Amino acid sequence: MDDKQILQNANRSAAQAGMIALAFQDFAAKLIKHVRSGHPLDDASLATLRDNCIRDLKNSTMIGMSFEEEAETFRQAIENAEKLFDGAIARGRQP
């Protein structure tokens, strides 16, 4: 792997990490608003909050990458965010 590929991979990983961090920030904010509004925090509402955050992530944009790199970065970020959301929700259900 040459230096250019290493740099591209690092940029892609950093972009994914930032996207996932913003998605979790969005999830936390929506979760707090949901609870403070007096709505129940049940499985259905958690799934809706999760799905809304994933949808928002899918609708975001990036600059500075080729279309192919951007598409792959988004695909991986969305896949990882879904796994992380599911894991966080599952851990939150544990007593």
PDB file of N, CA and C in Angstrom:
ATOM      1  N   MET A   1       0.858  -1.168   0.000  1.00  0.00           N
ATOM      2  CA  MET A   1       0.000   0.000   0.000  1.00  0.00           C
ATOM      3  C   MET A   1       0.911   1.240   0.000  1.00  0.00           C
ATOM      4  N   ASP A   2       0.664   2.134  -0.944  1.00  0.00           N
ATOM      5  CA  ASP A   2       1.503   3.328  -1.016  1.00  0.00           C
ATOM      6  C   ASP A   2       0.971   4.437  -0.106  1.00  0.00           C
ATOM      7  N   ASP A   3       1.725   5.513  -0.008  1.00  0.00           N
ATOM      8  CA  ASP A   3       1.370   6.616   0.892  1.00  0.00           C
ATOM      9  C   ASP A   3       0.022   7.236   0.546  1.00  0.00           C
ATOM     10  N   LYS A   4      -0.288   7.325  -0.732  1.00  0.00           N
ATOM     11  CA  LYS A   4      -1.562   7.923  -1.155  1.00  0.00           C
ATOM     12  C   LYS A   4      -2.738   7.080  -0.668  1.00  0.00           C
ATOM     13  N   GLN A   5      -2.629   5.774  -0.779  1.00  0.00           N
ATOM     14  CA  GLN A   5      -3.700   4.884  -0.310  1.00  0.00           C
ATOM     15  C   GLN A   5      -3.840   4.950   1.207  1.00  0.00           C
ATOM     16  N   ILE A   6      -2.727   5.012   1.906  1.00  0.00           N
ATOM     17  CA  ILE A   6      -2.772   5.115   3.365  1.00  0.00           C
ATOM     18  C   ILE A   6      -3.477   6.403   3.772  1.00  0.00           C
ATOM     19  N   LEU A   7      -3.151   7.500   3.114  1.00  0.00           N
ATOM     20  CA  LEU A   7      -3.788   8.781   3.405  1.00  0.00           C
ATOM     21  C   LEU A   7      -5.279   8.744   3.078  1.00  0.00           C
ATOM     22  N   GLN A   8      -5.640   8.138   1.958  1.00  0.00           N
ATOM     23  CA  GLN A   8      -7.055   8.023   1.596  1.00  0.00           C
ATOM     24  C   GLN A   8      -7.815   7.199   2.630  1.00  0.00           C
ATOM     25  N   ASN A   9      -7.231   6.098   3.078  1.00  0.00           N
ATOM     26  CA  ASN A   9      -7.875   5.272   4.097  1.00  0.00           C
ATOM     27  C   ASN A   9      -8.024   6.026   5.408  1.00  0.00           C
ATOM     28  N   ALA A  10      -7.012   6.780   5.781  1.00  0.00           N
ATOM     29  CA  ALA A  10      -7.076   7.575   7.004  1.00  0.00           C
ATOM     30  C   ALA A  10      -8.156   8.648   6.894  1.00  0.00           C
ATOM     31  N   ASN A  11      -8.230   9.309   5.748  1.00  0.00           N
ATOM     32  CA  ASN A  11      -9.268  10.319   5.537  1.00  0.00           C
ATOM     33  C   ASN A  11     -10.662   9.698   5.597  1.00  0.00           C
ATOM     34  N   ARG A  12     -10.815   8.549   4.977  1.00  0.00           N
ATOM     35  CA  ARG A  12     -12.104   7.860   4.972  1.00  0.00           C
ATOM     36  C   ARG A  12     -12.496   7.443   6.388  1.00  0.00           C
ATOM     37  N   SER A  13     -11.541   6.912   7.139  1.00  0.00           N
ATOM     38  CA  SER A  13     -11.821   6.494   8.517  1.00  0.00           C
ATOM     39  C   SER A  13     -12.179   7.691   9.397  1.00  0.00           C
ATOM     40  N   ALA A  14     -11.464   8.788   9.225  1.00  0.00           N
ATOM     41  CA  ALA A  14     -11.763   9.994  10.003  1.00  0.00           C
ATOM     42  C   ALA A  14     -13.142  10.538   9.657  1.00  0.00           C
ATOM     43  N   ALA A  15     -13.480  10.517   8.386  1.00  0.00           N
ATOM     44  CA  ALA A  15     -14.803  10.985   7.962  1.00  0.00           C
ATOM     45  C   ALA A  15     -15.895  10.106   8.557  1.00  0.00           C
ATOM     46  N   GLN A  16     -15.696   8.795   8.523  1.00  0.00           N
ATOM     47  CA  GLN A  16     -16.683   7.874   9.106  1.00  0.00           C
ATOM     48  C   GLN A  16     -16.843   8.107  10.597  1.00  0.00           C
ATOM     49  N   ALA A  17     -15.729   8.264  11.300  1.00  0.00           N
ATOM     50  CA  ALA A  17     -15.790   8.490  12.745  1.00  0.00           C
ATOM     51  C   ALA A  17     -16.538   9.777  13.061  1.00  0.00           C
ATOM     52  N   GLY A  18     -16.268  10.813  12.302  1.00  0.00           N
ATOM     53  CA  GLY A  18     -16.976  12.075  12.511  1.00  0.00           C
ATOM     54  C   GLY A  18     -18.457  11.958  12.227  1.00  0.00           C
ATOM     55  N   MET A  19     -18.801  11.258  11.159  1.00  0.00           N
ATOM     56  CA  MET A  19     -20.211  11.076  10.809  1.00  0.00           C
ATOM     57  C   MET A  19     -20.942  10.296  11.894  1.00  0.00           C
ATOM     58  N   ILE A  20     -20.299   9.261  12.401  1.00  0.00           N
ATOM     59  CA  ILE A  20     -20.923   8.439  13.443  1.00  0.00           C
ATOM     60  C   ILE A  20     -21.062   9.239  14.731  1.00  0.00           C
ATOM     61  N   ALA A  21     -20.041  10.022  15.070  1.00  0.00           N
ATOM     62  CA  ALA A  21     -20.121  10.858  16.273  1.00  0.00           C
ATOM     63  C   ALA A  21     -21.272  11.852  16.166  1.00  0.00           C
ATOM     64  N   LEU A  22     -21.436  12.467  15.008  1.00  0.00           N
ATOM     65  CA  LEU A  22     -22.549  13.397  14.821  1.00  0.00           C
ATOM     66  C   LEU A  22     -23.895  12.685  14.869  1.00  0.00           C
ATOM     67  N   ALA A  23     -23.946  11.468  14.346  1.00  0.00           N
ATOM     68  CA  ALA A  23     -25.195  10.707  14.398  1.00  0.00           C
ATOM     69  C   ALA A  23     -25.559  10.375  15.842  1.00  0.00           C
ATOM     70  N   PHE A  24     -24.569  10.015  16.663  1.00  0.00           N
ATOM     71  CA  PHE A  24     -24.845   9.729  18.070  1.00  0.00           C
ATOM     72  C   PHE A  24     -25.233  10.986  18.829  1.00  0.00           C
ATOM     73  N   GLN A  25     -24.629  12.110  18.489  1.00  0.00           N
ATOM     74  CA  GLN A  25     -25.021  13.374  19.112  1.00  0.00           C
ATOM     75  C   GLN A  25     -26.478  13.682  18.766  1.00  0.00           C
ATOM     76  N   ASP A  26     -26.847  13.469  17.521  1.00  0.00           N
ATOM     77  CA  ASP A  26     -28.222  13.669  17.071  1.00  0.00           C
ATOM     78  C   ASP A  26     -29.169  12.728  17.818  1.00  0.00           C
ATOM     79  N   PHE A  27     -28.769  11.471  17.966  1.00  0.00           N
ATOM     80  CA  PHE A  27     -29.585  10.489  18.677  1.00  0.00           C
ATOM     81  C   PHE A  27     -29.787  10.909  20.135  1.00  0.00           C
ATOM     82  N   ALA A  28     -28.704  11.322  20.791  1.00  0.00           N
ATOM     83  CA  ALA A  28     -28.803  11.737  22.195  1.00  0.00           C
ATOM     84  C   ALA A  28     -29.723  12.949  22.345  1.00  0.00           C
ATOM     85  N   ALA A  29     -29.586  13.919  21.457  1.00  0.00           N
ATOM     86  CA  ALA A  29     -30.437  15.108  21.524  1.00  0.00           C
ATOM     87  C   ALA A  29     -31.905  14.751  21.302  1.00  0.00           C
ATOM     88  N   LYS A  30     -32.168  13.904  20.313  1.00  0.00           N
ATOM     89  CA  LYS A  30     -33.553  13.496  20.048  1.00  0.00           C
ATOM     90  C   LYS A  30     -34.119  12.675  21.196  1.00  0.00           C
ATOM     91  N   LEU A  31     -33.291  11.838  21.800  1.00  0.00           N
ATOM     92  CA  LEU A  31     -33.716  11.026  22.937  1.00  0.00           C
ATOM     93  C   LEU A  31     -34.084  11.916  24.122  1.00  0.00           C
ATOM     94  N   ILE A  32     -33.253  12.900  24.408  1.00  0.00           N
ATOM     95  CA  ILE A  32     -33.529  13.819  25.517  1.00  0.00           C
ATOM     96  C   ILE A  32     -34.806  14.608  25.251  1.00  0.00           C
ATOM     97  N   LYS A  33     -34.959  15.136  24.050  1.00  0.00           N
ATOM     98  CA  LYS A  33     -36.178  15.877  23.705  1.00  0.00           C
ATOM     99  C   LYS A  33     -37.410  14.995  23.845  1.00  0.00           C
ATOM    100  N   HIS A  34     -37.301  13.754  23.400  1.00  0.00           N
ATOM    101  CA  HIS A  34     -38.412  12.808  23.462  1.00  0.00           C
ATOM    102  C   HIS A  34     -38.850  12.590  24.910  1.00  0.00           C
ATOM    103  N   VAL A  35     -37.895  12.336  25.776  1.00  0.00           N
ATOM    104  CA  VAL A  35     -38.196  12.068  27.183  1.00  0.00           C
ATOM    105  C   VAL A  35     -38.703  13.330  27.876  1.00  0.00           C
ATOM    106  N   ARG A  36     -38.065  14.465  27.617  1.00  0.00           N
ATOM    107  CA  ARG A  36     -38.481  15.716  28.260  1.00  0.00           C
ATOM    108  C   ARG A  36     -39.865  16.147  27.813  1.00  0.00           C
ATOM    109  N   SER A  37     -40.294  15.690  26.651  1.00  0.00           N
ATOM    110  CA  SER A  37     -41.641  16.009  26.161  1.00  0.00           C
ATOM    111  C   SER A  37     -42.695  15.121  26.803  1.00  0.00           C
ATOM    112  N   GLY A  38     -42.258  14.171  27.629  1.00  0.00           N
ATOM    113  CA  GLY A  38     -43.196  13.304  28.331  1.00  0.00           C
ATOM    114  C   GLY A  38     -43.615  12.075  27.562  1.00  0.00           C
ATOM    115  N   HIS A  39     -42.974  11.799  26.444  1.00  0.00           N
ATOM    116  CA  HIS A  39     -43.316  10.612  25.659  1.00  0.00           C
ATOM    117  C   HIS A  39     -42.681   9.375  26.288  1.00  0.00           C
ATOM    118  N   PRO A  40     -43.337   8.238  26.152  1.00  0.00           N
ATOM    119  CA  PRO A  40     -42.762   7.005  26.716  1.00  0.00           C
ATOM    120  C   PRO A  40     -41.513   6.581  25.939  1.00  0.00           C
ATOM    121  N   LEU A  41     -40.596   5.981  26.648  1.00  0.00           N
ATOM    122  CA  LEU A  41     -39.365   5.499  26.015  1.00  0.00           C
ATOM    123  C   LEU A  41     -39.457   3.982  25.910  1.00  0.00           C
ATOM    124  N   ASP A  42     -40.199   3.535  24.912  1.00  0.00           N
ATOM    125  CA  ASP A  42     -40.398   2.102  24.711  1.00  0.00           C
ATOM    126  C   ASP A  42     -39.626   1.652  23.476  1.00  0.00           C
ATOM    127  N   ASP A  43     -39.738   0.374  23.171  1.00  0.00           N
ATOM    128  CA  ASP A  43     -38.998  -0.183  22.035  1.00  0.00           C
ATOM    129  C   ASP A  43     -39.360   0.500  20.720  1.00  0.00           C
ATOM    130  N   ALA A  44     -40.622   0.797  20.539  1.00  0.00           N
ATOM    131  CA  ALA A  44     -41.060   1.429  19.288  1.00  0.00           C
ATOM    132  C   ALA A  44     -40.470   2.829  19.143  1.00  0.00           C
ATOM    133  N   SER A  45     -40.463   3.601  20.224  1.00  0.00           N
ATOM    134  CA  SER A  45     -39.922   4.959  20.124  1.00  0.00           C
ATOM    135  C   SER A  45     -38.408   4.932  19.929  1.00  0.00           C
ATOM    136  N   LEU A  46     -37.712   3.984  20.575  1.00  0.00           N
ATOM    137  CA  LEU A  46     -36.269   3.857  20.358  1.00  0.00           C
ATOM    138  C   LEU A  46     -35.962   3.496  18.909  1.00  0.00           C
ATOM    139  N   ALA A  47     -36.756   2.593  18.350  1.00  0.00           N
ATOM    140  CA  ALA A  47     -36.558   2.206  16.949  1.00  0.00           C
ATOM    141  C   ALA A  47     -36.808   3.387  16.021  1.00  0.00           C
ATOM    142  N   THR A  48     -37.821   4.181  16.325  1.00  0.00           N
ATOM    143  CA  THR A  48     -38.123   5.355  15.505  1.00  0.00           C
ATOM    144  C   THR A  48     -37.001   6.385  15.590  1.00  0.00           C
ATOM    145  N   LEU A  49     -36.519   6.642  16.812  1.00  0.00           N
ATOM    146  CA  LEU A  49     -35.411   7.582  16.986  1.00  0.00           C
ATOM    147  C   LEU A  49     -34.173   7.111  16.223  1.00  0.00           C
ATOM    148  N   ARG A  50     -33.867   5.831  16.332  1.00  0.00           N
ATOM    149  CA  ARG A  50     -32.723   5.243  15.628  1.00  0.00           C
ATOM    150  C   ARG A  50     -32.875   5.409  14.124  1.00  0.00           C
ATOM    151  N   ASP A  51     -34.047   5.039  13.613  1.00  0.00           N
ATOM    152  CA  ASP A  51     -34.290   5.114  12.178  1.00  0.00           C
ATOM    153  C   ASP A  51     -34.211   6.551  11.661  1.00  0.00           C
ATOM    154  N   ASN A  52     -34.703   7.499  12.456  1.00  0.00           N
ATOM    155  CA  ASN A  52     -34.636   8.905  12.058  1.00  0.00           C
ATOM    156  C   ASN A  52     -33.183   9.387  11.978  1.00  0.00           C
ATOM    157  N   CYS A  53     -32.370   8.953  12.925  1.00  0.00           N
ATOM    158  CA  CYS A  53     -30.959   9.357  12.909  1.00  0.00           C
ATOM    159  C   CYS A  53     -30.217   8.725  11.735  1.00  0.00           C
ATOM    160  N   ILE A  54     -30.515   7.475  11.430  1.00  0.00           N
ATOM    161  CA  ILE A  54     -29.894   6.821  10.271  1.00  0.00           C
ATOM    162  C   ILE A  54     -30.347   7.522   8.989  1.00  0.00           C
ATOM    163  N   ARG A  55     -31.609   7.880   8.907  1.00  0.00           N
ATOM    164  CA  ARG A  55     -32.117   8.600   7.731  1.00  0.00           C
ATOM    165  C   ARG A  55     -31.395   9.938   7.579  1.00  0.00           C
ATOM    166  N   ASP A  56     -31.226  10.667   8.691  1.00  0.00           N
ATOM    167  CA  ASP A  56     -30.515  11.940   8.632  1.00  0.00           C
ATOM    168  C   ASP A  56     -29.073  11.742   8.182  1.00  0.00           C
ATOM    169  N   LEU A  57     -28.436  10.683   8.651  1.00  0.00           N
ATOM    170  CA  LEU A  57     -27.071  10.380   8.230  1.00  0.00           C
ATOM    171  C   LEU A  57     -27.027  10.098   6.734  1.00  0.00           C
ATOM    172  N   LYS A  58     -27.992   9.343   6.235  1.00  0.00           N
ATOM    173  CA  LYS A  58     -28.042   9.031   4.801  1.00  0.00           C
ATOM    174  C   LYS A  58     -28.255  10.285   3.958  1.00  0.00           C
ATOM    175  N   ASN A  59     -28.937  11.287   4.528  1.00  0.00           N
ATOM    176  CA  ASN A  59     -29.237  12.512   3.785  1.00  0.00           C
ATOM    177  C   ASN A  59     -28.164  13.584   3.921  1.00  0.00           C
ATOM    178  N   SER A  60     -27.089  13.294   4.640  1.00  0.00           N
ATOM    179  CA  SER A  60     -26.023  14.281   4.786  1.00  0.00           C
ATOM    180  C   SER A  60     -25.103  14.223   3.566  1.00  0.00           C
ATOM    181  N   THR A  61     -24.224  15.196   3.477  1.00  0.00           N
ATOM    182  CA  THR A  61     -23.315  15.260   2.335  1.00  0.00           C
ATOM    183  C   THR A  61     -21.888  15.478   2.822  1.00  0.00           C
ATOM    184  N   MET A  62     -20.950  15.228   1.929  1.00  0.00           N
ATOM    185  CA  MET A  62     -19.531  15.433   2.206  1.00  0.00           C
ATOM    186  C   MET A  62     -18.913  16.154   1.025  1.00  0.00           C
ATOM    187  N   ILE A  63     -17.775  16.759   1.292  1.00  0.00           N
ATOM    188  CA  ILE A  63     -17.018  17.368   0.202  1.00  0.00           C
ATOM    189  C   ILE A  63     -15.570  16.901   0.302  1.00  0.00           C
ATOM    190  N   GLY A  64     -14.859  16.979  -0.787  1.00  0.00           N
ATOM    191  CA  GLY A  64     -13.441  16.666  -0.779  1.00  0.00           C
ATOM    192  C   GLY A  64     -13.098  15.242  -1.174  1.00  0.00           C
ATOM    193  N   MET A  65     -14.079  14.461  -1.576  1.00  0.00           N
ATOM    194  CA  MET A  65     -13.824  13.084  -2.011  1.00  0.00           C
ATOM    195  C   MET A  65     -14.481  12.870  -3.362  1.00  0.00           C
ATOM    196  N   SER A  66     -13.980  11.891  -4.064  1.00  0.00           N
ATOM    197  CA  SER A  66     -14.642  11.524  -5.313  1.00  0.00           C
ATOM    198  C   SER A  66     -15.998  10.915  -4.975  1.00  0.00           C
ATOM    199  N   PHE A  67     -16.850  10.858  -5.952  1.00  0.00           N
ATOM    200  CA  PHE A  67     -18.185  10.295  -5.746  1.00  0.00           C
ATOM    201  C   PHE A  67     -18.099   8.863  -5.235  1.00  0.00           C
ATOM    202  N   GLU A  68     -17.187   8.078  -5.795  1.00  0.00           N
ATOM    203  CA  GLU A  68     -17.041   6.681  -5.390  1.00  0.00           C
ATOM    204  C   GLU A  68     -16.553   6.570  -3.945  1.00  0.00           C
ATOM    205  N   GLU A  69     -15.572   7.408  -3.579  1.00  0.00           N
ATOM    206  CA  GLU A  69     -15.069   7.396  -2.198  1.00  0.00           C
ATOM    207  C   GLU A  69     -16.145   7.830  -1.217  1.00  0.00           C
ATOM    208  N   GLU A  70     -16.884   8.857  -1.596  1.00  0.00           N
ATOM    209  CA  GLU A  70     -17.959   9.347  -0.744  1.00  0.00           C
ATOM    210  C   GLU A  70     -19.024   8.268  -0.533  1.00  0.00           C
ATOM    211  N   ALA A  71     -19.398   7.598  -1.619  1.00  0.00           N
ATOM    212  CA  ALA A  71     -20.420   6.551  -1.530  1.00  0.00           C
ATOM    213  C   ALA A  71     -19.960   5.422  -0.616  1.00  0.00           C
ATOM    214  N   GLU A  72     -18.718   5.006  -0.754  1.00  0.00           N
ATOM    215  CA  GLU A  72     -18.197   3.925   0.083  1.00  0.00           C
ATOM    216  C   GLU A  72     -18.068   4.377   1.535  1.00  0.00           C
ATOM    217  N   THR A  73     -17.652   5.602   1.757  1.00  0.00           N
ATOM    218  CA  THR A  73     -17.534   6.137   3.112  1.00  0.00           C
ATOM    219  C   THR A  73     -18.898   6.173   3.781  1.00  0.00           C
ATOM    220  N   PHE A  74     -19.899   6.652   3.072  1.00  0.00           N
ATOM    221  CA  PHE A  74     -21.260   6.686   3.618  1.00  0.00           C
ATOM    222  C   PHE A  74     -21.779   5.278   3.893  1.00  0.00           C
ATOM    223  N   ARG A  75     -21.549   4.373   2.963  1.00  0.00           N
ATOM    224  CA  ARG A  75     -22.034   3.005   3.143  1.00  0.00           C
ATOM    225  C   ARG A  75     -21.457   2.405   4.420  1.00  0.00           C
ATOM    226  N   GLN A  76     -20.157   2.547   4.592  1.00  0.00           N
ATOM    227  CA  GLN A  76     -19.517   1.985   5.779  1.00  0.00           C
ATOM    228  C   GLN A  76     -19.944   2.714   7.047  1.00  0.00           C
ATOM    229  N   ALA A  77     -20.068   4.028   6.993  1.00  0.00           N
ATOM    230  CA  ALA A  77     -20.484   4.787   8.171  1.00  0.00           C
ATOM    231  C   ALA A  77     -21.901   4.415   8.590  1.00  0.00           C
ATOM    232  N   ILE A  78     -22.783   4.263   7.632  1.00  0.00           N
ATOM    233  CA  ILE A  78     -24.175   3.896   7.939  1.00  0.00           C
ATOM    234  C   ILE A  78     -24.224   2.489   8.518  1.00  0.00           C
ATOM    235  N   GLU A  79     -23.482   1.579   7.932  1.00  0.00           N
ATOM    236  CA  GLU A  79     -23.438   0.205   8.440  1.00  0.00           C
ATOM    237  C   GLU A  79     -22.912   0.181   9.878  1.00  0.00           C
ATOM    238  N   ASN A  80     -21.840   0.901  10.134  1.00  0.00           N
ATOM    239  CA  ASN A  80     -21.273   0.942  11.481  1.00  0.00           C
ATOM    240  C   ASN A  80     -22.187   1.659  12.464  1.00  0.00           C
ATOM    241  N   ALA A  81     -22.818   2.740  12.030  1.00  0.00           N
ATOM    242  CA  ALA A  81     -23.738   3.468  12.909  1.00  0.00           C
ATOM    243  C   ALA A  81     -24.922   2.591  13.291  1.00  0.00           C
ATOM    244  N   GLU A  82     -25.462   1.848  12.344  1.00  0.00           N
ATOM    245  CA  GLU A  82     -26.580   0.948  12.649  1.00  0.00           C
ATOM    246  C   GLU A  82     -26.182  -0.072  13.712  1.00  0.00           C
ATOM    247  N   LYS A  83     -24.994  -0.643  13.560  1.00  0.00           N
ATOM    248  CA  LYS A  83     -24.516  -1.622  14.549  1.00  0.00           C
ATOM    249  C   LYS A  83     -24.332  -0.976  15.918  1.00  0.00           C
ATOM    250  N   LEU A  84     -23.776   0.215  15.934  1.00  0.00           N
ATOM    251  CA  LEU A  84     -23.542   0.899  17.205  1.00  0.00           C
ATOM    252  C   LEU A  84     -24.850   1.315  17.871  1.00  0.00           C
ATOM    253  N   PHE A  85     -25.797   1.825  17.095  1.00  0.00           N
ATOM    254  CA  PHE A  85     -27.108   2.164  17.654  1.00  0.00           C
ATOM    255  C   PHE A  85     -27.776   0.932  18.235  1.00  0.00           C
ATOM    256  N   ASP A  86     -27.773  -0.154  17.483  1.00  0.00           N
ATOM    257  CA  ASP A  86     -28.396  -1.387  17.959  1.00  0.00           C
ATOM    258  C   ASP A  86     -27.733  -1.884  19.233  1.00  0.00           C
ATOM    259  N   GLY A  87     -26.406  -1.803  19.302  1.00  0.00           N
ATOM    260  CA  GLY A  87     -25.689  -2.215  20.496  1.00  0.00           C
ATOM    261  C   GLY A  87     -25.997  -1.330  21.691  1.00  0.00           C
ATOM    262  N   ALA A  88     -26.062  -0.027  21.467  1.00  0.00           N
ATOM    263  CA  ALA A  88     -26.372   0.908  22.554  1.00  0.00           C
ATOM    264  C   ALA A  88     -27.788   0.686  23.079  1.00  0.00           C
ATOM    265  N   ILE A  89     -28.732   0.481  22.176  1.00  0.00           N
ATOM    266  CA  ILE A  89     -30.120   0.243  22.591  1.00  0.00           C
ATOM    267  C   ILE A  89     -30.219  -1.077  23.354  1.00  0.00           C
ATOM    268  N   ALA A  90     -29.541  -2.105  22.869  1.00  0.00           N
ATOM    269  CA  ALA A  90     -29.571  -3.398  23.550  1.00  0.00           C
ATOM    270  C   ALA A  90     -28.961  -3.294  24.959  1.00  0.00           C
ATOM    271  N   ARG A  91     -27.840  -2.585  25.099  1.00  0.00           N
ATOM    272  CA  ARG A  91     -27.241  -2.428  26.426  1.00  0.00           C
ATOM    273  C   ARG A  91     -28.139  -1.606  27.339  1.00  0.00           C
ATOM    274  N   GLY A  92     -28.846  -0.645  26.768  1.00  0.00           N
ATOM    275  CA  GLY A  92     -29.760   0.169  27.561  1.00  0.00           C
ATOM    276  C   GLY A  92     -30.959  -0.605  28.085  1.00  0.00           C
ATOM    277  N   ARG A  93     -31.283  -1.705  27.457  1.00  0.00           N
ATOM    278  CA  ARG A  93     -32.409  -2.540  27.893  1.00  0.00           C
ATOM    279  C   ARG A  93     -32.029  -3.459  29.052  1.00  0.00           C
ATOM    280  N   GLN A  94     -30.729  -3.660  29.260  1.00  0.00           N
ATOM    281  CA  GLN A  94     -30.284  -4.554  30.315  1.00  0.00           C
ATOM    282  C   GLN A  94     -30.510  -3.915  31.693  1.00  0.00           C
ATOM    283  N   PRO A  95     -30.912  -4.730  32.647  1.00  0.00           N
ATOM    284  CA  PRO A  95     -31.144  -4.182  33.991  1.00  0.00           C
ATOM    285  C   PRO A  95     -29.858  -3.760  34.666  1.00  0.00           C
TER     286      PRO A  95
END
